[in-house]
PDB file of N, CA and C in Angstrom:
ATOM      1  N   UNK A   1       0.783  -1.240   0.065  1.00  0.00           N
ATOM      2  CA  UNK A   1      -0.147  -0.074  -0.091  1.00  0.00           C
ATOM      3  C   UNK A   1       0.918   1.218   0.322  1.00  0.00           C
ATOM      4  N   UNK A   2       2.200   1.746   0.553  1.00  0.00           N
ATOM      5  CA  UNK A   2       2.652   2.374   0.939  1.00  0.00           C
ATOM      6  C   UNK A   2       4.077   2.608   0.162  1.00  0.00           C
ATOM      7  N   UNK A   3       4.334   1.466  -0.606  1.00  0.00           N
ATOM      8  CA  UNK A   3       5.748   1.487  -0.666  1.00  0.00           C
ATOM      9  C   UNK A   3       7.030   1.197  -0.714  1.00  0.00           C
ATOM     10  N   UNK A   4       6.574   1.019   1.257  1.00  0.00           N
ATOM     11  CA  UNK A   4       7.700   0.858   1.798  1.00  0.00           C
ATOM     12  C   UNK A   4       7.790  -0.639   1.549  1.00  0.00           C
ATOM     13  N   UNK A   5       9.129  -1.219   1.445  1.00  0.00           N
ATOM     14  CA  UNK A   5       9.899  -2.521   1.201  1.00  0.00           C
ATOM     15  C   UNK A   5      10.984  -2.734   2.679  1.00  0.00           C
ATOM     16  N   UNK A   6      10.699  -3.214   3.169  1.00  0.00           N
ATOM     17  CA  UNK A   6      11.427  -3.606   4.480  1.00  0.00           C
ATOM     18  C   UNK A   6      12.509  -4.845   4.444  1.00  0.00           C
ATOM     19  N   UNK A   7      13.399  -4.292   3.940  1.00  0.00           N
ATOM     20  CA  UNK A   7      14.539  -5.492   3.870  1.00  0.00           C
ATOM     21  C   UNK A   7      15.344  -5.946   5.387  1.00  0.00           C
ATOM     22  N   UNK A   8      15.376  -7.351   5.544  1.00  0.00           N
ATOM     23  CA  UNK A   8      15.879  -7.512   6.655  1.00  0.00           C
ATOM     24  C   UNK A   8      16.956  -8.594   6.152  1.00  0.00           C
ATOM     25  N   UNK A   9      18.070  -9.109   7.022  1.00  0.00           N
ATOM     26  CA  UNK A   9      18.942  -9.725   6.561  1.00  0.00           C
ATOM     27  C   UNK A   9      18.568 -11.125   5.777  1.00  0.00           C
ATOM     28  N   UNK A  10      17.541 -11.547   5.772  1.00  0.00           N
ATOM     29  CA  UNK A  10      17.073 -12.825   5.421  1.00  0.00           C
ATOM     30  C   UNK A  10      16.245 -12.531   4.650  1.00  0.00           C
ATOM     31  N   UNK A  11      16.183 -11.573   3.894  1.00  0.00           N
ATOM     32  CA  UNK A  11      15.026 -10.939   2.775  1.00  0.00           C
ATOM     33  C   UNK A  11      14.055  -9.692   3.245  1.00  0.00           C
ATOM     34  N   UNK A  12      13.337  -9.654   2.329  1.00  0.00           N
ATOM     35  CA  UNK A  12      11.988  -8.472   2.398  1.00  0.00           C
ATOM     36  C   UNK A  12      11.319  -9.400   3.358  1.00  0.00           C
ATOM     37  N   UNK A  13      10.533  -8.311   4.266  1.00  0.00           N
ATOM     38  CA  UNK A  13       9.452  -8.610   5.011  1.00  0.00           C
ATOM     39  C   UNK A  13       8.095  -7.979   5.117  1.00  0.00           C
ATOM     40  N   UNK A  14       7.373  -8.454   5.052  1.00  0.00           N
ATOM     41  CA  UNK A  14       5.365  -8.148   4.957  1.00  0.00           C
ATOM     42  C   UNK A  14       4.850  -9.190   5.720  1.00  0.00           C
ATOM     43  N   UNK A  15       3.293  -8.494   6.179  1.00  0.00           N
ATOM     44  CA  UNK A  15       2.763  -8.908   7.012  1.00  0.00           C
ATOM     45  C   UNK A  15       1.829  -9.237   6.444  1.00  0.00           C
ATOM     46  N   UNK A  16       1.252 -10.939   6.908  1.00  0.00           N
ATOM     47  CA  UNK A  16      -0.385 -10.932   6.185  1.00  0.00           C
ATOM     48  C   UNK A  16      -1.132 -10.293   6.796  1.00  0.00           C
ATOM     49  N   UNK A  17      -2.339  -9.897   6.211  1.00  0.00           N
ATOM     50  CA  UNK A  17      -3.229  -8.857   6.946  1.00  0.00           C
ATOM     51  C   UNK A  17      -4.589  -9.662   6.122  1.00  0.00           C
ATOM     52  N   UNK A  18      -5.705 -10.108   7.351  1.00  0.00           N
ATOM     53  CA  UNK A  18      -6.832 -10.478   6.602  1.00  0.00           C
ATOM     54  C   UNK A  18      -8.037  -9.663   6.419  1.00  0.00           C
ATOM     55  N   UNK A  19      -8.232  -9.771   5.429  1.00  0.00           N
ATOM     56  CA  UNK A  19      -9.456  -8.311   5.562  1.00  0.00           C
ATOM     57  C   UNK A  19     -10.765  -8.278   5.856  1.00  0.00           C
ATOM     58  N   UNK A  20     -11.143  -9.793   5.546  1.00  0.00           N
ATOM     59  CA  UNK A  20     -12.211  -9.736   6.813  1.00  0.00           C
ATOM     60  C   UNK A  20     -11.665 -11.016   7.960  1.00  0.00           C
ATOM     61  N   UNK A  21     -11.956 -10.295   9.168  1.00  0.00           N
ATOM     62  CA  UNK A  21     -11.047 -10.858   9.943  1.00  0.00           C
ATOM     63  C   UNK A  21     -11.631 -12.810  10.590  1.00  0.00           C
ATOM     64  N   UNK A  22     -10.618 -13.467  10.883  1.00  0.00           N
ATOM     65  CA  UNK A  22     -10.891 -14.989  11.478  1.00  0.00           C
ATOM     66  C   UNK A  22     -11.555 -14.702  12.898  1.00  0.00           C
ATOM     67  N   UNK A  23     -12.383 -15.625  13.098  1.00  0.00           N
ATOM     68  CA  UNK A  23     -12.771 -16.345  14.509  1.00  0.00           C
ATOM     69  C   UNK A  23     -14.239 -15.271  14.382  1.00  0.00           C
ATOM     70  N   UNK A  24     -14.964 -15.437  15.594  1.00  0.00           N
ATOM     71  CA  UNK A  24     -16.138 -14.681  15.797  1.00  0.00           C
ATOM     72  C   UNK A  24     -15.883 -13.403  15.856  1.00  0.00           C
ATOM     73  N   UNK A  25     -16.997 -12.155  15.786  1.00  0.00           N
ATOM     74  CA  UNK A  25     -18.098 -12.814  15.014  1.00  0.00           C
ATOM     75  C   UNK A  25     -17.953 -12.471  13.710  1.00  0.00           C
ATOM     76  N   UNK A  26     -16.755 -12.146  12.944  1.00  0.00           N
ATOM     77  CA  UNK A  26     -16.453 -12.245  11.828  1.00  0.00           C
ATOM     78  C   UNK A  26     -16.657 -13.202  10.631  1.00  0.00           C
ATOM     79  N   UNK A  27     -15.931 -14.975  11.375  1.00  0.00           N
ATOM     80  CA  UNK A  27     -15.652 -15.573  10.536  1.00  0.00           C
ATOM     81  C   UNK A  27     -15.678 -15.536   9.082  1.00  0.00           C
ATOM     82  N   UNK A  28     -14.138 -14.868   8.839  1.00  0.00           N
ATOM     83  CA  UNK A  28     -13.502 -14.995   7.784  1.00  0.00           C
ATOM     84  C   UNK A  28     -12.782 -16.341   7.446  1.00  0.00           C
ATOM     85  N   UNK A  29     -12.549 -16.408   6.228  1.00  0.00           N
ATOM     86  CA  UNK A  29     -12.081 -17.564   5.936  1.00  0.00           C
ATOM     87  C   UNK A  29      -9.965 -16.934   5.424  1.00  0.00           C
ATOM     88  N   UNK A  30      -9.699 -18.469   5.932  1.00  0.00           N
ATOM     89  CA  UNK A  30      -8.110 -18.234   5.866  1.00  0.00           C
ATOM     90  C   UNK A  30      -8.010 -18.463   4.264  1.00  0.00           C
ATOM     91  N   UNK A  31      -8.339 -17.919   3.717  1.00  0.00           N
ATOM     92  CA  UNK A  31      -7.598 -17.648   2.419  1.00  0.00           C
ATOM     93  C   UNK A  31      -6.834 -16.794   0.844  1.00  0.00           C
ATOM     94  N   UNK A  32      -6.464 -17.101   0.592  1.00  0.00           N
ATOM     95  CA  UNK A  32      -5.652 -15.964  -0.266  1.00  0.00           C
ATOM     96  C   UNK A  32      -5.834 -15.049  -0.835  1.00  0.00           C
ATOM     97  N   UNK A  33      -7.629 -14.948  -1.056  1.00  0.00           N
ATOM     98  CA  UNK A  33      -8.619 -14.034  -1.325  1.00  0.00           C
ATOM     99  C   UNK A  33      -8.962 -13.086  -0.439  1.00  0.00           C
ATOM    100  N   UNK A  34      -8.507 -13.489   1.260  1.00  0.00           N
ATOM    101  CA  UNK A  34      -9.107 -12.506   2.001  1.00  0.00           C
ATOM    102  C   UNK A  34      -7.607 -12.206   2.892  1.00  0.00           C
ATOM    103  N   UNK A  35      -6.342 -12.462   2.319  1.00  0.00           N
ATOM    104  CA  UNK A  35      -5.194 -11.698   2.496  1.00  0.00           C
ATOM    105  C   UNK A  35      -4.639 -10.628   1.913  1.00  0.00           C
ATOM    106  N   UNK A  36      -4.025  -9.597   2.219  1.00  0.00           N
ATOM    107  CA  UNK A  36      -3.025  -8.686   2.091  1.00  0.00           C
ATOM    108  C   UNK A  36      -1.985  -8.781   2.312  1.00  0.00           C
ATOM    109  N   UNK A  37      -0.841  -8.222   1.859  1.00  0.00           N
ATOM    110  CA  UNK A  37       0.631  -8.538   2.212  1.00  0.00           C
ATOM    111  C   UNK A  37       0.880  -6.844   2.426  1.00  0.00           C
ATOM    112  N   UNK A  38       1.336  -6.382   3.740  1.00  0.00           N
ATOM    113  CA  UNK A  38       1.353  -5.468   4.201  1.00  0.00           C
ATOM    114  C   UNK A  38       2.553  -5.055   4.787  1.00  0.00           C
ATOM    115  N   UNK A  39       2.839  -3.650   5.292  1.00  0.00           N
ATOM    116  CA  UNK A  39       3.852  -3.536   5.842  1.00  0.00           C
ATOM    117  C   UNK A  39       3.483  -3.131   7.431  1.00  0.00           C
ATOM    118  N   UNK A  40       3.973  -3.580   8.343  1.00  0.00           N
ATOM    119  CA  UNK A  40       3.981  -3.295   9.631  1.00  0.00           C
ATOM    120  C   UNK A  40       2.462  -2.272   9.884  1.00  0.00           C
ATOM    121  N   UNK A  41       3.338  -1.094   9.534  1.00  0.00           N
ATOM    122  CA  UNK A  41       2.434   0.427   9.983  1.00  0.00           C
ATOM    123  C   UNK A  41       0.874   0.224   9.199  1.00  0.00           C
ATOM    124  N   UNK A  42       0.858  -0.448   8.215  1.00  0.00           N
ATOM    125  CA  UNK A  42      -0.059   0.161   7.148  1.00  0.00           C
ATOM    126  C   UNK A  42      -1.216  -1.423   7.910  1.00  0.00           C
ATOM    127  N   UNK A  43      -0.462  -2.751   8.592  1.00  0.00           N
ATOM    128  CA  UNK A  43      -1.279  -3.636   8.807  1.00  0.00           C
ATOM    129  C   UNK A  43      -2.141  -3.364   9.824  1.00  0.00           C
ATOM    130  N   UNK A  44      -1.916  -2.242  10.782  1.00  0.00           N
ATOM    131  CA  UNK A  44      -2.579  -1.664  11.882  1.00  0.00           C
ATOM    132  C   UNK A  44      -3.736  -0.647  11.501  1.00  0.00           C
ATOM    133  N   UNK A  45      -3.268   0.007  10.891  1.00  0.00           N
ATOM    134  CA  UNK A  45      -4.055   1.016   9.802  1.00  0.00           C
ATOM    135  C   UNK A  45      -4.862   0.267   9.504  1.00  0.00           C
ATOM    136  N   UNK A  46      -4.817  -0.385   8.949  1.00  0.00           N
ATOM    137  CA  UNK A  46      -5.695  -1.533   8.079  1.00  0.00           C
ATOM    138  C   UNK A  46      -7.070  -1.825   8.959  1.00  0.00           C
ATOM    139  N   UNK A  47      -6.183  -2.832  10.461  1.00  0.00           N
ATOM    140  CA  UNK A  47      -6.769  -3.406  10.661  1.00  0.00           C
ATOM    141  C   UNK A  47      -7.761  -2.573  12.008  1.00  0.00           C
ATOM    142  N   UNK A  48      -7.209  -1.579  12.073  1.00  0.00           N
ATOM    143  CA  UNK A  48      -7.987  -0.486  12.843  1.00  0.00           C
ATOM    144  C   UNK A  48      -9.202   0.617  12.316  1.00  0.00           C
ATOM    145  N   UNK A  49      -9.174  -0.134  10.654  1.00  0.00           N
ATOM    146  CA  UNK A  49     -10.200   1.144  10.043  1.00  0.00           C
ATOM    147  C   UNK A  49      -9.597   2.063   9.646  1.00  0.00           C
ATOM    148  N   UNK A  50      -8.225   2.591  10.035  1.00  0.00           N
ATOM    149  CA  UNK A  50      -8.074   3.425   9.273  1.00  0.00           C
ATOM    150  C   UNK A  50      -7.581   3.924   7.676  1.00  0.00           C
ATOM    151  N   UNK A  51      -7.196   2.713   7.446  1.00  0.00           N
ATOM    152  CA  UNK A  51      -7.322   3.022   6.071  1.00  0.00           C
ATOM    153  C   UNK A  51      -8.552   1.694   5.099  1.00  0.00           C
ATOM    154  N   UNK A  52      -9.105   2.082   4.250  1.00  0.00           N
ATOM    155  CA  UNK A  52      -9.756   0.975   3.531  1.00  0.00           C
ATOM    156  C   UNK A  52      -9.965   1.202   2.228  1.00  0.00           C
ATOM    157  N   UNK A  53     -10.059  -0.097   1.071  1.00  0.00           N
ATOM    158  CA  UNK A  53      -9.737   0.088   0.258  1.00  0.00           C
ATOM    159  C   UNK A  53     -10.909  -0.331  -0.745  1.00  0.00           C
ATOM    160  N   UNK A  54     -11.194   0.282  -1.759  1.00  0.00           N
ATOM    161  CA  UNK A  54     -12.777   0.637  -2.694  1.00  0.00           C
ATOM    162  C   UNK A  54     -12.404  -0.674  -3.691  1.00  0.00           C
ATOM    163  N   UNK A  55     -13.696  -0.911  -4.168  1.00  0.00           N
ATOM    164  CA  UNK A  55     -13.671  -2.240  -5.347  1.00  0.00           C
ATOM    165  C   UNK A  55     -13.075  -1.900  -6.108  1.00  0.00           C
ATOM    166  N   UNK A  56     -12.529  -1.226  -6.423  1.00  0.00           N
ATOM    167  CA  UNK A  56     -11.558  -0.629  -7.652  1.00  0.00           C
ATOM    168  C   UNK A  56      -9.854  -0.901  -6.885  1.00  0.00           C
ATOM    169  N   UNK A  57      -9.854  -1.107  -5.934  1.00  0.00           N
ATOM    170  CA  UNK A  57      -8.748  -0.990  -5.266  1.00  0.00           C
ATOM    171  C   UNK A  57      -7.799   0.324  -4.663  1.00  0.00           C
ATOM    172  N   UNK A  58      -8.731   1.958  -4.779  1.00  0.00           N
ATOM    173  CA  UNK A  58      -8.178   2.507  -4.164  1.00  0.00           C
ATOM    174  C   UNK A  58      -8.066   2.178  -3.198  1.00  0.00           C
ATOM    175  N   UNK A  59      -7.092   3.014  -2.676  1.00  0.00           N
ATOM    176  CA  UNK A  59      -6.599   3.251  -1.221  1.00  0.00           C
ATOM    177  C   UNK A  59      -6.997   4.142  -0.641  1.00  0.00           C
ATOM    178  N   UNK A  60      -8.195   4.597   0.483  1.00  0.00           N
ATOM    179  CA  UNK A  60      -9.018   5.947   1.191  1.00  0.00           C
ATOM    180  C   UNK A  60      -8.384   5.608   2.692  1.00  0.00           C
ATOM    181  N   UNK A  61      -7.333   6.788   2.952  1.00  0.00           N
ATOM    182  CA  UNK A  61      -7.402   7.129   3.831  1.00  0.00           C
ATOM    183  C   UNK A  61      -9.130   7.683   4.993  1.00  0.00           C
ATOM    184  N   UNK A  62      -9.838   6.775   5.810  1.00  0.00           N
ATOM    185  CA  UNK A  62     -10.861   6.864   5.921  1.00  0.00           C
ATOM    186  C   UNK A  62     -11.053   8.369   7.418  1.00  0.00           C
ATOM    187  N   UNK A  63      -9.522   8.995   7.867  1.00  0.00           N
ATOM    188  CA  UNK A  63     -10.363  10.296   8.549  1.00  0.00           C
ATOM    189  C   UNK A  63      -9.929  11.202   7.644  1.00  0.00           C
ATOM    190  N   UNK A  64      -9.425  11.265   6.867  1.00  0.00           N
ATOM    191  CA  UNK A  64      -9.636  12.503   5.465  1.00  0.00           C
ATOM    192  C   UNK A  64     -10.165  12.504   4.594  1.00  0.00           C
ATOM    193  N   UNK A  65     -10.418  10.804   4.314  1.00  0.00           N
ATOM    194  CA  UNK A  65     -11.545  10.606   3.051  1.00  0.00           C
ATOM    195  C   UNK A  65      -9.937  10.894   1.559  1.00  0.00           C
ATOM    196  N   UNK A  66      -9.340  11.121   1.823  1.00  0.00           N
ATOM    197  CA  UNK A  66      -8.411  10.825   0.379  1.00  0.00           C
ATOM    198  C   UNK A  66      -7.663  10.192   0.070  1.00  0.00           C
ATOM    199  N   UNK A  67      -7.739   9.937  -1.032  1.00  0.00           N
ATOM    200  CA  UNK A  67      -6.774   8.557  -1.675  1.00  0.00           C
ATOM    201  C   UNK A  67      -5.753   8.733  -1.745  1.00  0.00           C
ATOM    202  N   UNK A  68      -4.821   7.368  -1.038  1.00  0.00           N
ATOM    203  CA  UNK A  68      -3.510   6.997  -0.830  1.00  0.00           C
ATOM    204  C   UNK A  68      -2.778   5.992  -1.843  1.00  0.00           C
ATOM    205  N   UNK A  69      -3.576   6.348  -3.375  1.00  0.00           N
ATOM    206  CA  UNK A  69      -2.982   5.617  -4.262  1.00  0.00           C
ATOM    207  C   UNK A  69      -3.795   4.567  -5.069  1.00  0.00           C
ATOM    208  N   UNK A  70      -4.187   3.741  -5.408  1.00  0.00           N
ATOM    209  CA  UNK A  70      -3.943   1.947  -5.893  1.00  0.00           C
ATOM    210  C   UNK A  70      -3.171   0.730  -5.377  1.00  0.00           C
ATOM    211  N   UNK A  71      -3.845  -0.029  -4.859  1.00  0.00           N
ATOM    212  CA  UNK A  71      -3.246  -0.766  -3.972  1.00  0.00           C
ATOM    213  C   UNK A  71      -2.703  -1.664  -4.719  1.00  0.00           C
ATOM    214  N   UNK A  72      -1.071  -2.048  -4.926  1.00  0.00           N
ATOM    215  CA  UNK A  72      -0.823  -2.898  -5.756  1.00  0.00           C
ATOM    216  C   UNK A  72      -0.879  -4.214  -6.279  1.00  0.00           C
ATOM    217  N   UNK A  73      -1.254  -5.119  -6.821  1.00  0.00           N
ATOM    218  CA  UNK A  73      -1.513  -6.442  -6.515  1.00  0.00           C
ATOM    219  C   UNK A  73      -0.414  -7.347  -7.668  1.00  0.00           C
ATOM    220  N   UNK A  74      -0.554  -8.444  -7.457  1.00  0.00           N
ATOM    221  CA  UNK A  74       0.311  -9.349  -8.175  1.00  0.00           C
ATOM    222  C   UNK A  74       0.211 -10.490  -8.755  1.00  0.00           C
ATOM    223  N   UNK A  75       0.219 -10.941 -10.231  1.00  0.00           N
ATOM    224  CA  UNK A  75      -0.544 -12.127 -10.843  1.00  0.00           C
ATOM    225  C   UNK A  75      -0.489 -13.343  -9.987  1.00  0.00           C
ATOM    226  N   UNK A  76      -2.117 -13.533  -9.961  1.00  0.00           N
ATOM    227  CA  UNK A  76      -1.553 -15.105  -8.944  1.00  0.00           C
ATOM    228  C   UNK A  76      -2.184 -14.834  -8.065  1.00  0.00           C
ATOM    229  N   UNK A  77      -1.957 -13.625  -7.507  1.00  0.00           N
ATOM    230  CA  UNK A  77      -2.931 -13.187  -5.950  1.00  0.00           C
ATOM    231  C   UNK A  77      -4.369 -12.195  -6.114  1.00  0.00           C
ATOM    232  N   UNK A  78      -5.532 -13.320  -6.542  1.00  0.00           N
ATOM    233  CA  UNK A  78      -6.649 -12.289  -6.665  1.00  0.00           C
ATOM    234  C   UNK A  78      -7.451 -12.179  -5.281  1.00  0.00           C
ATOM    235  N   UNK A  79      -7.450 -10.477  -5.009  1.00  0.00           N
ATOM    236  CA  UNK A  79      -8.203 -10.512  -3.500  1.00  0.00           C
ATOM    237  C   UNK A  79      -9.656 -10.738  -3.883  1.00  0.00           C
ATOM    238  N   UNK A  80     -10.517 -10.893  -3.136  1.00  0.00           N
ATOM    239  CA  UNK A  80     -12.394 -11.280  -2.950  1.00  0.00           C
ATOM    240  C   UNK A  80     -12.230 -10.179  -3.151  1.00  0.00           C
ATOM    241  N   UNK A  81     -13.181  -9.204  -3.752  1.00  0.00           N
ATOM    242  CA  UNK A  81     -13.958  -7.780  -2.964  1.00  0.00           C
ATOM    243  C   UNK A  81     -14.976  -8.003  -2.658  1.00  0.00           C
ATOM    244  N   UNK A  82     -15.665  -9.077  -2.092  1.00  0.00           N
ATOM    245  CA  UNK A  82     -16.374  -9.180  -1.383  1.00  0.00           C
ATOM    246  C   UNK A  82     -15.767  -9.409   0.174  1.00  0.00           C
ATOM    247  N   UNK A  83     -14.271  -9.606   0.480  1.00  0.00           N
ATOM    248  CA  UNK A  83     -14.003  -8.841   1.470  1.00  0.00           C
ATOM    249  C   UNK A  83     -13.654  -7.610   1.931  1.00  0.00           C
ATOM    250  N   UNK A  84     -13.863  -6.965   0.986  1.00  0.00           N
ATOM    251  CA  UNK A  84     -13.357  -5.673   0.956  1.00  0.00           C
ATOM    252  C   UNK A  84     -14.599  -5.372   1.040  1.00  0.00           C
ATOM    253  N   UNK A  85     -15.886  -5.085   0.884  1.00  0.00           N
ATOM    254  CA  UNK A  85     -16.284  -4.804   1.031  1.00  0.00           C
ATOM    255  C   UNK A  85     -17.211  -4.855   2.818  1.00  0.00           C
ATOM    256  N   UNK A  86     -16.866  -6.424   3.175  1.00  0.00           N
ATOM    257  CA  UNK A  86     -17.339  -6.588   4.308  1.00  0.00           C
ATOM    258  C   UNK A  86     -16.406  -5.658   5.558  1.00  0.00           C
ATOM    259  N   UNK A  87     -14.811  -5.656   5.174  1.00  0.00           N
ATOM    260  CA  UNK A  87     -14.266  -4.519   5.666  1.00  0.00           C
ATOM    261  C   UNK A  87     -14.540  -3.467   5.750  1.00  0.00           C
ATOM    262  N   UNK A  88     -15.355  -2.815   5.080  1.00  0.00           N
ATOM    263  CA  UNK A  88     -15.634  -1.207   4.634  1.00  0.00           C
ATOM    264  C   UNK A  88     -16.538  -1.336   5.052  1.00  0.00           C
ATOM    265  N   UNK A  89     -17.946  -1.926   5.224  1.00  0.00           N
ATOM    266  CA  UNK A  89     -19.231  -2.249   6.401  1.00  0.00           C
ATOM    267  C   UNK A  89     -18.741  -2.233   7.619  1.00  0.00           C
ATOM    268  N   UNK A  90     -17.342  -2.731   7.955  1.00  0.00           N
ATOM    269  CA  UNK A  90     -17.217  -2.517   9.461  1.00  0.00           C
ATOM    270  C   UNK A  90     -16.757  -1.400  10.407  1.00  0.00           C
ATOM    271  N   UNK A  91     -16.361  -0.158   9.450  1.00  0.00           N
ATOM    272  CA  UNK A  91     -16.163   1.050   9.684  1.00  0.00           C
ATOM    273  C   UNK A  91     -16.921   2.145   8.731  1.00  0.00           C
TER     274      UNK A  91
END
């Protein structure tokens, strides 16, 4: 999301963020379509609803309603938009 790539001695580091949280009451699925690879800062911002992602993959700062750009994707990892909708509706 932010473009920061954390490089550690053993390679790059990112965190897997579930879009629709696992467990009760959200009951999200532990599947690739429900995951984003984020830096630790964006992971917290996303989990707490400070940033949301529109269906066109526009990343929005929920506090200012300003765009932070477009979510970068990679071939073979399809983000399921139903999970993005669920996440937006949490906040």
